[in-house]
Amino acid sequence: MTMQRKPGDKKRRTFSLRSIFLTMALTFATIFMLVMGYSYYDMSLIRSSSSSLAQNSIPRIMSAQRALVNLEKLKSYLTVIKESADPVSARNAYIDASALLAEQIFDVEDVAVLSHSVLNKVKLMWNTRSSLNKTRGELIRNWIHLALIVNRLSANAPDGEIKPEDFLGYDYVTEADFSGFMLSDYVKKQFTKAQEICAGVTEPGALELCRNLEPARETFERNYNYYNSYLSDLKRRSEDIEFLINLMSSSYTQNETAVISQELGYITDISRDLIYYLVLISVIVLLSCIALYVTLFAVVVRPLQKIAFFINRFNRRQGADDLTLPATKVTELSEVVELLRHLFEDVQKITSDSERITQRYSELLTISYYDELTGAHNRRALELFNRTIGDVPSRFAVMMVDIDFFKKYNDTLGHQKGDLVLRRVSLCLIKNTSESDIVYRYGGEEFCIVLQNVDKQMLSSIGRRLCHSVKLLDIINPGNDNKPVTISIGISPATTVKGQWTLDELISKADAALYEAKRQGRERFVFYDDAFDSLMPNPDEPQDGALL
């Protein structure tokens, strides 16, 4: 693949990225600064107006809060004047309300006139309240007098006492309850009862009481009519005062709203102009971004995409001979393209040599750690694993596997047939162990299996499976009475804690267990026991035994 420029290519005039972006930046910066100048002027006006509004608003807010508090106080005083039958409480409320109105609740001229009208209405309301309380007292006294007459007539005892519960307690009840009591059926029944008694009395004392009954009733009814009249006047004056108070509050609110609206209107006009400037700035920024994007895409992104596409195709070896590097007017990218032309020529040479070296390295690595005959890991791989494992983890064990009577098989059929047996048994061991377990060829017909995450029960299951699987291969050993080829397995104990034994110690224990399996008759698996260390193994002694 050639990377040189074609003979027909003309040298292009290039521009520096710095000069391109500097020209764009100066153009948009000039326009931006002009618009920002006008915007800053409007923002200064808004800031000063807002500051003035804030400074003037604090006294207004405090005045409004004070006026609202005074207004609530005034309403509470008027409520006491209207509803309280206690002369002292009503008088105190009248004095407080008059003082409050005299202080001018609202500091607005139009509202001050209304405040003066309210003060006059409150005076009239107090006069009505005073007359009402006076009439109420007269009415209570009339009722006591009538109740006394009725009580004495009912008891037929001129010197009898009236019942206090008939009239006591009505000095401080509300007007509605008091008026309701005076018109209740109880009062009417009392009069009716007294009239019935008077119809049949003959005693001089009772006759005197009967003569006083009708004048007392007339006096009671007259005062009761006065009382209702004053009560109506009090209600009407209360409604008039309430209307004026609401009018005062509404006028004050409208006045404050007009002042604030005027100031806010000025700020709104300036803000509207500022919005136009901000929209213009946004348009400028948007156009700048579009122009920058178009420029970057045309002079930077597109050439870089072509370069990236070229490099990708070069790495994948997919028609790289037909690719040409892009032409660009950007000085920096032009230099990159020229450097890539020379770089890829060198890379092509290095790549071909690197592939050969990598292939050879993989072959050597496979030969170094795998047994070429059996396909299992070799003794060197086991020694490397022993050096790197450090502290043996928990649930870790070793199996030592030996092919029974393998020497007789070799002596009978030859070493070439024996090599086939070794390979088939090795593949059977690898197939019947998990991916985390590793099968090593330890030497000759002996294999070492390193197992992880196991316990004694799992080891028993694995040992039984391996013995049975090898026997099912049905490889006949003529040197052993044409019996199938079998294996013997010695199993080390599984570790229970980390660092309990080293890998060498586990191999030694598994090897001692293997010799014990040979001694017991082969074709079986045996777990290590401390007593095995004192036994002198005799693996070649033929013995009969069954699979455990």
Protein backbone atom coordinates (compact mmCIF):
# COMPACT_ATOMS: atom_id res chain seq x y z
CA MET A 1 0.00 0.00 0.00
CA THR A 2 1.44 3.34 -1.05
CA MET A 3 0.87 6.45 1.03
CA GLN A 4 2.55 9.03 -1.17
CA ARG A 5 0.67 11.94 -2.70
CA LYS A 6 -0.56 11.27 -6.22
CA PRO A 7 1.34 13.03 -9.00
CA GLY A 8 -1.80 14.87 -10.16
CA ASP A 9 -2.53 16.35 -6.74
CA LYS A 10 -2.01 20.12 -6.44
CA LYS A 11 -0.67 21.75 -3.34
CA ARG A 12 -3.61 23.41 -1.58
CA ARG A 13 -3.52 26.73 0.17
CA THR A 14 -4.06 26.12 3.88
CA PHE A 15 -5.32 28.29 6.72
CA SER A 16 -4.41 28.05 10.38
CA LEU A 17 -7.16 27.12 12.81
CA ARG A 18 -6.05 30.04 14.95
CA SER A 19 -6.67 32.54 12.15
CA ILE A 20 -10.10 31.03 11.34
CA PHE A 21 -11.38 31.12 14.89
CA LEU A 22 -9.78 34.49 15.62
CA THR A 23 -11.64 36.09 12.69
CA MET A 24 -14.95 34.58 13.80
CA ALA A 25 -14.37 35.53 17.42
CA LEU A 26 -13.58 39.17 16.62
CA THR A 27 -16.66 39.53 14.42
CA PHE A 28 -19.15 38.12 16.90
CA ALA A 29 -17.43 39.70 19.90
CA THR A 30 -17.83 43.19 18.40
CA ILE A 31 -21.57 42.70 17.83
CA PHE A 32 -21.98 41.05 21.22
CA MET A 33 -20.24 43.88 23.09
CA LEU A 34 -22.42 46.55 21.44
CA VAL A 35 -25.62 44.76 22.39
CA MET A 36 -24.30 44.06 25.89
CA GLY A 37 -23.54 47.78 26.34
CA TYR A 38 -27.14 48.74 25.72
CA SER A 39 -28.31 45.85 27.90
CA TYR A 40 -26.05 46.94 30.74
CA TYR A 41 -27.48 50.48 30.59
CA ASP A 42 -31.04 49.15 30.88
CA MET A 43 -30.03 46.80 33.66
CA SER A 44 -28.56 49.73 35.60
CA LEU A 45 -31.86 51.59 35.30
CA ILE A 46 -33.76 48.51 36.50
CA ARG A 47 -31.34 48.07 39.39
CA SER A 48 -31.70 51.67 40.57
CA SER A 49 -35.49 51.62 40.20
CA SER A 50 -35.76 48.31 42.00
CA SER A 51 -33.55 49.59 44.80
CA SER A 52 -35.70 52.69 45.17
CA LEU A 53 -38.86 50.60 45.16
CA ALA A 54 -37.41 48.27 47.79
CA GLN A 55 -36.37 51.17 50.05
CA ASN A 56 -39.79 52.81 49.79
CA SER A 57 -41.61 49.51 50.19
CA ILE A 58 -40.21 48.76 53.63
CA PRO A 59 -41.91 51.80 55.30
CA ARG A 60 -45.08 51.09 53.33
CA ILE A 61 -45.09 47.45 54.41
CA MET A 62 -44.53 48.41 58.05
CA SER A 63 -47.25 51.06 57.83
CA ALA A 64 -49.63 48.57 56.20
CA GLN A 65 -48.89 45.97 58.86
CA ARG A 66 -49.49 48.52 61.61
CA ALA A 67 -52.72 49.64 59.94
CA LEU A 68 -53.94 46.04 59.62
CA VAL A 69 -53.18 45.36 63.29
CA ASN A 70 -55.01 48.55 64.32
CA LEU A 71 -57.88 47.64 62.04
CA GLU A 72 -58.25 44.25 63.72
CA LYS A 73 -58.13 45.93 67.13
CA LEU A 74 -60.83 48.39 66.03
CA LYS A 75 -63.04 45.51 64.87
CA SER A 76 -62.59 43.72 68.19
CA TYR A 77 -63.50 46.93 70.11
CA LEU A 78 -66.62 47.42 67.99
CA THR A 79 -67.60 43.80 68.59
CA VAL A 80 -67.39 44.38 72.35
CA ILE A 81 -69.50 47.55 72.06
CA LYS A 82 -72.05 45.73 69.97
CA GLU A 83 -72.38 42.48 71.92
CA SER A 84 -71.23 43.06 75.51
CA ALA A 85 -73.98 43.75 78.06
CA ASP A 86 -71.37 44.67 80.63
CA PRO A 87 -71.36 48.50 80.83
CA VAL A 88 -67.74 48.63 81.99
CA SER A 89 -66.43 46.46 79.16
CA ALA A 90 -68.48 48.33 76.56
CA ARG A 91 -67.28 51.72 77.83
CA ASN A 92 -63.61 50.62 77.82
CA ALA A 93 -64.01 49.33 74.27
CA TYR A 94 -65.57 52.65 73.20
CA ILE A 95 -62.67 54.63 74.73
CA ASP A 96 -60.06 52.42 73.01
CA ALA A 97 -61.84 52.59 69.65
CA SER A 98 -62.13 56.40 69.85
CA ALA A 99 -58.42 56.72 70.72
CA LEU A 100 -57.46 54.43 67.86
CA LEU A 101 -59.52 56.38 65.32
CA ALA A 102 -58.15 59.67 66.62
CA GLU A 103 -54.60 58.46 65.87
CA GLN A 104 -55.46 57.99 62.19
CA ILE A 105 -55.16 54.26 61.37
CA PHE A 106 -54.26 54.94 57.73
CA ASP A 107 -51.93 57.75 56.64
CA VAL A 108 -53.80 58.40 53.37
CA GLU A 109 -55.82 61.64 53.06
CA ASP A 110 -58.95 60.07 51.55
CA VAL A 111 -58.93 57.36 54.17
CA ALA A 112 -58.47 59.91 56.99
CA VAL A 113 -61.82 61.51 56.04
CA LEU A 114 -63.48 58.11 56.28
CA SER A 115 -61.77 57.55 59.62
CA HIS A 116 -63.39 60.76 60.96
CA SER A 117 -66.82 59.52 59.78
CA VAL A 118 -66.22 56.20 61.51
CA LEU A 119 -65.37 58.05 64.72
CA ASN A 120 -68.75 59.88 64.61
CA LYS A 121 -70.54 56.61 63.91
CA VAL A 122 -68.80 54.97 66.85
CA LYS A 123 -69.99 57.80 69.14
CA LEU A 124 -73.58 57.23 67.96
CA MET A 125 -73.12 53.50 68.40
CA TRP A 126 -71.90 54.03 71.96
CA ASN A 127 -74.91 56.25 72.76
CA THR A 128 -77.19 53.53 71.43
CA ARG A 129 -75.31 50.91 73.43
CA SER A 130 -75.70 53.02 76.60
CA SER A 131 -79.45 53.43 76.04
CA LEU A 132 -79.70 49.72 75.27
CA ASN A 133 -77.91 48.77 78.47
CA LYS A 134 -80.12 51.18 80.46
CA THR A 135 -83.27 49.76 78.91
CA ARG A 136 -81.96 46.26 79.46
CA GLY A 137 -81.57 47.03 83.17
CA GLU A 138 -85.08 48.43 83.32
CA LEU A 139 -86.35 45.36 81.49
CA ILE A 140 -84.61 43.05 83.96
CA ARG A 141 -86.10 44.97 86.89
CA ASN A 142 -89.56 44.82 85.28
CA TRP A 143 -89.14 41.10 84.81
CA ILE A 144 -88.08 40.65 88.45
CA HIS A 145 -91.14 42.62 89.57
CA LEU A 146 -93.45 40.54 87.36
CA ALA A 147 -91.73 37.32 88.43
CA LEU A 148 -92.20 38.30 92.06
CA ILE A 149 -95.94 38.91 91.53
CA VAL A 150 -96.35 35.65 89.62
CA ASN A 151 -94.36 33.72 92.20
CA ARG A 152 -96.41 35.05 95.11
CA LEU A 153 -99.68 34.44 93.34
CA SER A 154 -98.60 30.91 92.44
CA ALA A 155 -97.61 30.17 96.05
CA ASN A 156 -100.71 31.94 97.39
CA ALA A 157 -98.39 33.49 99.94
CA PRO A 158 -98.15 37.28 99.83
CA ASP A 159 -94.92 37.20 101.77
CA GLY A 160 -93.29 34.44 99.65
CA GLU A 161 -89.89 34.81 97.95
CA ILE A 162 -89.26 34.67 94.18
CA LYS A 163 -86.96 31.97 92.69
CA PRO A 164 -83.52 33.39 91.86
CA GLU A 165 -83.10 31.03 88.89
CA ASP A 166 -86.09 32.71 87.22
CA PHE A 167 -84.17 35.92 86.41
CA LEU A 168 -80.56 35.85 87.73
CA GLY A 169 -77.68 35.57 85.26
CA TYR A 170 -79.17 37.61 82.45
CA ASP A 171 -77.02 40.68 83.04
CA TYR A 172 -74.16 39.21 80.97
CA VAL A 173 -75.75 37.00 78.36
CA THR A 174 -75.75 37.98 74.69
CA GLU A 175 -78.48 40.13 73.26
CA ALA A 176 -79.85 37.24 71.21
CA ASP A 177 -80.15 34.96 74.25
CA PHE A 178 -81.60 37.75 76.39
CA SER A 179 -84.19 38.73 73.78
CA GLY A 180 -85.06 35.09 73.21
CA PHE A 181 -85.66 34.58 76.90
CA MET A 182 -87.99 37.59 77.16
CA LEU A 183 -90.13 36.22 74.31
CA SER A 184 -89.96 32.58 75.38
CA ASP A 185 -92.99 30.45 76.07
CA TYR A 186 -91.93 30.32 79.72
CA VAL A 187 -92.63 34.06 80.21
CA LYS A 188 -95.98 33.86 78.41
CA LYS A 189 -97.01 30.86 80.48
CA GLN A 190 -96.16 32.71 83.66
CA PHE A 191 -98.47 35.62 82.72
CA THR A 192 -101.23 33.26 81.66
CA LYS A 193 -100.89 31.32 84.90
CA ALA A 194 -101.04 34.55 87.00
CA GLN A 195 -104.20 35.69 85.15
CA GLU A 196 -105.89 32.38 85.85
CA ILE A 197 -105.00 32.64 89.54
CA CYS A 198 -106.32 36.23 89.74
CA ALA A 199 -109.66 35.09 88.40
CA GLY A 200 -110.41 33.17 91.58
CA VAL A 201 -108.58 34.96 94.44
CA THR A 202 -110.38 36.63 97.38
CA GLU A 203 -107.61 37.40 99.80
CA PRO A 204 -106.86 41.11 100.17
CA GLY A 205 -103.12 40.63 99.62
CA ALA A 206 -103.68 38.53 96.49
CA LEU A 207 -106.17 41.04 95.11
CA GLU A 208 -103.56 43.81 95.53
CA LEU A 209 -101.05 41.73 93.59
CA CYS A 210 -103.57 41.09 90.84
CA ARG A 211 -104.29 44.80 90.50
CA ASN A 212 -100.53 45.42 90.05
CA LEU A 213 -100.11 42.57 87.54
CA GLU A 214 -101.53 44.32 84.46
CA PRO A 215 -99.65 47.66 84.99
CA ALA A 216 -96.44 45.67 85.56
CA ARG A 217 -97.03 43.72 82.34
CA GLU A 218 -97.68 46.91 80.35
CA THR A 219 -94.50 48.48 81.73
CA PHE A 220 -92.57 45.30 80.80
CA GLU A 221 -93.92 45.28 77.24
CA ARG A 222 -93.22 48.99 76.74
CA ASN A 223 -89.61 48.63 77.91
CA TYR A 224 -89.26 45.51 75.80
CA ASN A 225 -90.33 47.48 72.71
CA TYR A 226 -87.80 50.19 73.59
CA TYR A 227 -85.18 47.50 74.01
CA ASN A 228 -85.86 46.00 70.56
CA SER A 229 -85.79 49.46 68.99
CA TYR A 230 -82.38 50.21 70.50
CA LEU A 231 -81.18 46.77 69.48
CA SER A 232 -82.19 47.43 65.84
CA ASP A 233 -80.45 50.83 65.92
CA LEU A 234 -77.31 49.19 67.33
CA LYS A 235 -77.32 46.60 64.57
CA ARG A 236 -77.83 49.22 61.85
CA ARG A 237 -75.06 51.46 63.18
CA SER A 238 -72.76 48.43 63.46
CA GLU A 239 -73.43 47.57 59.82
CA ASP A 240 -72.75 51.20 58.79
CA ILE A 241 -69.45 51.19 60.67
CA GLU A 242 -68.47 47.84 59.16
CA PHE A 243 -69.18 49.19 55.68
CA LEU A 244 -67.03 52.28 56.33
CA ILE A 245 -64.20 50.17 57.71
CA ASN A 246 -64.24 47.95 54.62
CA LEU A 247 -64.31 51.10 52.50
CA MET A 248 -61.30 52.43 54.40
CA SER A 249 -59.37 49.21 53.85
CA SER A 250 -60.30 49.10 50.15
CA SER A 251 -59.33 52.76 49.60
CA TYR A 252 -56.01 52.26 51.35
CA THR A 253 -55.29 49.14 49.27
CA GLN A 254 -56.17 50.91 46.02
CA ASN A 255 -53.98 53.86 46.91
CA GLU A 256 -50.96 51.66 47.74
CA THR A 257 -51.57 49.53 44.66
CA ALA A 258 -51.63 52.61 42.43
CA VAL A 259 -48.31 53.87 43.86
CA ILE A 260 -46.60 50.51 43.46
CA SER A 261 -48.13 49.93 40.01
CA GLN A 262 -46.73 53.24 38.81
CA GLU A 263 -43.23 52.33 39.92
CA LEU A 264 -43.53 48.78 38.59
CA GLY A 265 -44.79 50.11 35.25
CA TYR A 266 -41.58 52.05 34.80
CA ILE A 267 -39.50 48.98 35.61
CA THR A 268 -41.65 46.89 33.25
CA ASP A 269 -41.04 49.27 30.34
CA ILE A 270 -37.30 49.11 30.86
CA SER A 271 -37.44 45.33 31.29
CA ARG A 272 -39.29 45.04 27.98
CA ASP A 273 -36.45 46.82 26.24
CA LEU A 274 -33.98 44.60 28.04
CA ILE A 275 -35.82 41.51 26.85
CA TYR A 276 -35.43 42.70 23.26
CA TYR A 277 -31.71 43.03 23.81
CA LEU A 278 -31.54 39.60 25.44
CA VAL A 279 -33.42 38.09 22.52
CA LEU A 280 -30.96 39.76 20.17
CA ILE A 281 -28.07 38.38 22.22
CA SER A 282 -29.62 34.92 22.09
CA VAL A 283 -29.95 35.17 18.32
CA ILE A 284 -26.31 36.27 18.05
CA VAL A 285 -25.18 33.39 20.25
CA LEU A 286 -27.29 30.95 18.23
CA LEU A 287 -25.90 32.22 14.94
CA SER A 288 -22.40 32.05 16.40
CA CYS A 289 -22.94 28.45 17.45
CA ILE A 290 -24.31 27.55 14.01
CA ALA A 291 -21.43 29.27 12.26
CA LEU A 292 -18.93 27.63 14.59
CA TYR A 293 -20.52 24.23 14.04
CA VAL A 294 -20.52 24.61 10.26
CA THR A 295 -16.90 25.79 10.27
CA LEU A 296 -15.75 23.04 12.62
CA PHE A 297 -17.61 20.38 10.64
CA ALA A 298 -16.26 21.58 7.31
CA VAL A 299 -12.61 22.19 8.20
CA VAL A 300 -12.07 19.86 11.20
CA VAL A 301 -14.71 17.20 11.81
CA ARG A 302 -15.11 15.91 8.26
CA PRO A 303 -11.34 15.53 7.67
CA LEU A 304 -10.99 13.86 11.07
CA GLN A 305 -13.83 11.46 10.22
CA LYS A 306 -12.05 10.48 7.03
CA ILE A 307 -8.77 10.00 8.89
CA ALA A 308 -10.53 7.88 11.55
CA PHE A 309 -12.26 5.82 8.85
CA PHE A 310 -8.93 5.29 7.12
CA ILE A 311 -7.23 4.18 10.37
CA ASN A 312 -10.11 1.81 11.18
CA ARG A 313 -9.98 0.19 7.76
CA PHE A 314 -6.20 -0.01 7.98
CA ASN A 315 -6.39 -1.81 11.35
CA ARG A 316 -9.00 -4.29 10.06
CA ARG A 317 -7.13 -4.93 6.82
CA GLN A 318 -10.32 -4.38 4.79
CA GLY A 319 -9.35 -2.89 1.48
CA ALA A 320 -6.87 -0.45 3.00
CA ASP A 321 -4.91 -0.44 -0.26
CA ASP A 322 -7.73 1.47 -1.97
CA LEU A 323 -7.99 4.23 0.69
CA THR A 324 -6.52 7.69 0.35
CA LEU A 325 -6.04 10.22 3.11
CA PRO A 326 -8.30 13.32 2.89
CA ALA A 327 -7.16 16.67 1.56
CA THR A 328 -7.69 19.59 3.94
CA LYS A 329 -7.13 23.35 4.00
CA VAL A 330 -6.34 23.41 7.70
CA THR A 331 -2.63 23.74 8.35
CA GLU A 332 -2.56 21.59 11.48
CA LEU A 333 -4.61 18.78 9.92
CA SER A 334 -2.55 18.94 6.76
CA GLU A 335 0.58 18.27 8.83
CA VAL A 336 -1.17 15.36 10.56
CA VAL A 337 -2.15 13.83 7.22
CA GLU A 338 1.40 14.08 5.95
CA LEU A 339 2.75 12.44 9.11
CA LEU A 340 0.18 9.65 8.81
CA ARG A 341 1.36 8.89 5.28
CA HIS A 342 4.82 8.06 6.58
CA LEU A 343 3.58 6.47 9.81
CA PHE A 344 1.33 3.92 8.13
CA GLU A 345 4.13 2.78 5.83
CA ASP A 346 6.19 1.92 8.92
CA VAL A 347 3.19 0.41 10.73
CA GLN A 348 2.49 -1.93 7.83
CA LYS A 349 6.00 -3.35 8.01
CA ILE A 350 5.91 -3.65 11.80
CA THR A 351 2.47 -5.28 11.78
CA SER A 352 3.46 -8.14 9.52
CA ASP A 353 6.49 -8.93 11.71
CA SER A 354 4.40 -8.56 14.90
CA GLU A 355 1.84 -11.08 13.70
CA ARG A 356 4.49 -13.69 13.10
CA ILE A 357 6.03 -13.02 16.54
CA THR A 358 2.62 -13.21 18.26
CA GLN A 359 1.76 -16.49 16.58
CA ARG A 360 5.09 -17.99 17.56
CA TYR A 361 4.71 -16.74 21.14
CA SER A 362 1.27 -18.37 21.45
CA GLU A 363 2.69 -21.66 20.20
CA LEU A 364 5.56 -21.51 22.68
CA LEU A 365 3.22 -20.58 25.53
CA THR A 366 1.00 -23.57 24.79
CA ILE A 367 3.98 -25.91 24.67
CA SER A 368 5.36 -24.41 27.88
CA TYR A 369 2.28 -25.01 30.10
CA TYR A 370 0.44 -27.92 28.48
CA ASP A 371 1.37 -31.54 28.06
CA GLU A 372 1.50 -32.18 24.33
CA LEU A 373 0.50 -35.84 24.62
CA THR A 374 -2.47 -35.69 27.02
CA GLY A 375 -3.72 -32.10 26.61
CA ALA A 376 -3.61 -31.60 30.41
CA HIS A 377 -1.48 -28.98 32.16
CA ASN A 378 2.11 -30.13 32.65
CA ARG A 379 4.30 -30.38 35.74
CA ARG A 380 5.84 -26.97 35.06
CA ALA A 381 2.40 -25.32 35.13
CA LEU A 382 1.75 -27.02 38.50
CA GLU A 383 5.01 -25.67 39.93
CA LEU A 384 4.17 -22.15 38.68
CA PHE A 385 0.70 -22.41 40.26
CA ASN A 386 2.31 -23.54 43.53
CA ARG A 387 4.57 -20.46 43.57
CA THR A 388 1.79 -17.98 42.84
CA ILE A 389 -1.04 -19.34 44.99
CA GLY A 390 0.43 -18.25 48.36
CA ASP A 391 -1.87 -19.24 51.24
CA VAL A 392 -4.11 -22.08 50.11
CA PRO A 393 -7.77 -20.95 50.47
CA SER A 394 -10.45 -22.86 52.35
CA ARG A 395 -12.48 -25.67 50.66
CA PHE A 396 -9.39 -26.66 48.64
CA ALA A 397 -8.24 -30.24 47.96
CA VAL A 398 -5.94 -32.34 45.75
CA MET A 399 -6.54 -35.69 44.01
CA MET A 400 -3.67 -37.93 42.87
CA VAL A 401 -4.82 -40.28 40.06
CA ASP A 402 -2.91 -43.31 38.76
CA ILE A 403 -3.82 -45.72 35.93
CA ASP A 404 -3.93 -49.28 37.29
CA PHE A 405 -1.54 -51.83 35.75
CA PHE A 406 -0.47 -49.35 33.06
CA LYS A 407 3.03 -50.94 32.82
CA LYS A 408 1.47 -54.29 31.88
CA TYR A 409 -0.58 -52.51 29.17
CA ASN A 410 2.59 -50.96 27.70
CA ASP A 411 4.51 -54.20 27.90
CA THR A 412 1.72 -56.05 26.09
CA LEU A 413 0.59 -53.56 23.40
CA GLY A 414 3.50 -51.17 23.20
CA HIS A 415 4.11 -47.54 24.08
CA GLN A 416 2.15 -46.09 21.14
CA LYS A 417 -1.04 -47.80 22.37
CA GLY A 418 -0.15 -46.69 25.88
CA ASP A 419 0.06 -43.06 24.74
CA LEU A 420 -3.49 -43.34 23.37
CA VAL A 421 -4.69 -44.64 26.74
CA LEU A 422 -3.00 -41.75 28.53
CA ARG A 423 -4.71 -39.23 26.23
CA ARG A 424 -8.19 -40.80 26.54
CA VAL A 425 -7.96 -41.04 30.34
CA SER A 426 -6.71 -37.42 30.53
CA LEU A 427 -9.59 -36.12 28.41
CA CYS A 428 -12.05 -38.15 30.55
CA LEU A 429 -10.66 -36.54 33.74
CA ILE A 430 -10.90 -33.03 32.25
CA LYS A 431 -14.45 -33.64 30.99
CA ASN A 432 -15.70 -34.91 34.37
CA THR A 433 -14.30 -32.05 36.50
CA SER A 434 -15.57 -28.46 36.71
CA GLU A 435 -14.03 -25.46 34.95
CA SER A 436 -12.52 -24.22 38.23
CA ASP A 437 -10.68 -27.56 38.72
CA ILE A 438 -7.32 -28.08 36.96
CA VAL A 439 -5.93 -31.43 35.73
CA TYR A 440 -2.12 -31.75 35.62
CA ARG A 441 -0.02 -34.63 34.25
CA TYR A 442 2.18 -35.29 37.24
CA GLY A 443 4.45 -37.86 35.58
CA GLY A 444 4.12 -41.11 33.60
CA GLU A 445 0.59 -42.43 34.08
CA GLU A 446 -0.01 -40.28 37.20
CA PHE A 447 -2.24 -37.16 37.22
CA CYS A 448 -2.79 -34.43 39.83
CA ILE A 449 -6.17 -32.68 40.08
CA VAL A 450 -6.48 -29.39 42.02
CA LEU A 451 -10.04 -28.76 43.20
CA GLN A 452 -11.63 -25.61 44.65
CA ASN A 453 -14.85 -24.92 46.59
CA VAL A 454 -15.31 -28.55 47.66
CA ASP A 455 -15.97 -30.52 50.84
CA LYS A 456 -15.65 -34.22 51.72
CA GLN A 457 -19.10 -35.10 50.36
CA MET A 458 -18.39 -33.40 47.04
CA LEU A 459 -14.97 -35.05 46.84
CA SER A 460 -16.58 -38.47 47.34
CA SER A 461 -19.02 -37.75 44.49
CA ILE A 462 -16.22 -36.57 42.18
CA GLY A 463 -13.99 -39.56 43.01
CA ARG A 464 -16.81 -42.02 42.37
CA ARG A 465 -17.69 -40.30 39.08
CA LEU A 466 -14.08 -40.31 37.82
CA CYS A 467 -13.55 -44.00 38.61
CA HIS A 468 -16.81 -44.95 36.95
CA SER A 469 -16.25 -42.73 33.86
CA VAL A 470 -12.77 -44.16 33.17
CA LYS A 471 -14.06 -47.71 33.48
CA LEU A 472 -16.86 -46.91 30.99
CA LEU A 473 -14.20 -46.04 28.39
CA ASP A 474 -13.98 -49.84 28.08
CA ILE A 475 -10.26 -49.91 27.24
CA ILE A 476 -9.24 -53.60 27.52
CA ASN A 477 -5.89 -54.32 29.20
CA PRO A 478 -4.60 -57.65 27.86
CA GLY A 479 -1.87 -57.62 30.47
CA ASN A 480 -4.50 -57.68 33.26
CA ASP A 481 -6.64 -60.63 32.16
CA ASN A 482 -8.43 -58.49 29.53
CA LYS A 483 -10.08 -56.40 32.22
CA PRO A 484 -11.02 -52.75 31.50
CA VAL A 485 -8.48 -50.07 32.33
CA THR A 486 -9.27 -48.49 35.74
CA ILE A 487 -7.80 -45.80 37.98
CA SER A 488 -6.96 -45.41 41.65
CA ILE A 489 -7.40 -42.09 43.39
CA GLY A 490 -5.88 -40.67 46.59
CA ILE A 491 -7.69 -37.64 48.00
CA SER A 492 -6.26 -35.13 50.44
CA PRO A 493 -8.55 -33.67 53.11
CA ALA A 494 -10.34 -30.44 52.11
CA THR A 495 -9.03 -27.33 53.86
CA THR A 496 -11.42 -25.69 56.31
CA VAL A 497 -9.52 -22.41 56.81
CA LYS A 498 -7.19 -20.35 54.68
CA GLY A 499 -3.51 -21.39 54.91
CA GLN A 500 -4.28 -24.65 56.75
CA TRP A 501 -1.82 -26.61 54.52
CA THR A 502 0.46 -25.73 51.63
CA LEU A 503 -0.11 -27.15 48.17
CA ASP A 504 2.93 -29.41 48.56
CA GLU A 505 1.48 -30.80 51.80
CA LEU A 506 -1.85 -31.50 50.12
CA ILE A 507 -0.09 -33.27 47.24
CA SER A 508 1.91 -35.35 49.73
CA LYS A 509 -1.25 -36.34 51.64
CA ALA A 510 -3.07 -37.21 48.41
CA ASP A 511 -0.05 -39.27 47.25
CA ALA A 512 -0.06 -41.23 50.56
CA ALA A 513 -3.79 -41.87 50.10
CA LEU A 514 -3.10 -43.08 46.52
CA TYR A 515 -0.61 -45.65 47.75
CA GLU A 516 -3.19 -46.82 50.25
CA ALA A 517 -5.74 -47.19 47.42
CA LYS A 518 -3.18 -49.30 45.51
CA ARG A 519 -2.55 -51.39 48.61
CA GLN A 520 -6.26 -51.98 49.14
CA GLY A 521 -6.67 -53.41 45.64
CA ARG A 522 -6.86 -50.47 43.19
CA GLU A 523 -9.95 -49.30 41.25
CA ARG A 524 -11.10 -47.10 44.12
CA PHE A 525 -10.62 -43.74 45.82
CA VAL A 526 -9.30 -43.32 49.35
CA PHE A 527 -9.23 -40.24 51.62
CA TYR A 528 -6.01 -39.44 53.45
CA ASP A 529 -5.55 -40.59 57.04
CA ASP A 530 -2.62 -39.80 59.39
CA ALA A 531 -1.94 -43.52 59.73
CA PHE A 532 -0.98 -43.74 56.04
CA ASP A 533 2.32 -41.93 56.70
CA SER A 534 3.71 -44.92 58.67
CA LEU A 535 2.78 -47.51 56.04
CA MET A 536 5.27 -48.80 53.51
CA PRO A 537 3.38 -48.67 50.20
CA ASN A 538 3.60 -51.55 47.74
CA PRO A 539 1.69 -50.31 44.68
CA ASP A 540 2.71 -53.23 42.42
CA GLU A 541 1.24 -55.92 44.69
CA PRO A 542 -1.87 -57.22 42.95
CA GLN A 543 -4.93 -57.25 45.21
CA ASP A 544 -8.62 -57.58 44.60
CA GLY A 545 -10.99 -54.83 45.72
CA ALA A 546 -14.28 -53.28 44.87
CA LEU A 547 -15.05 -49.63 44.17
CA LEU A 548 -16.02 -47.84 47.36
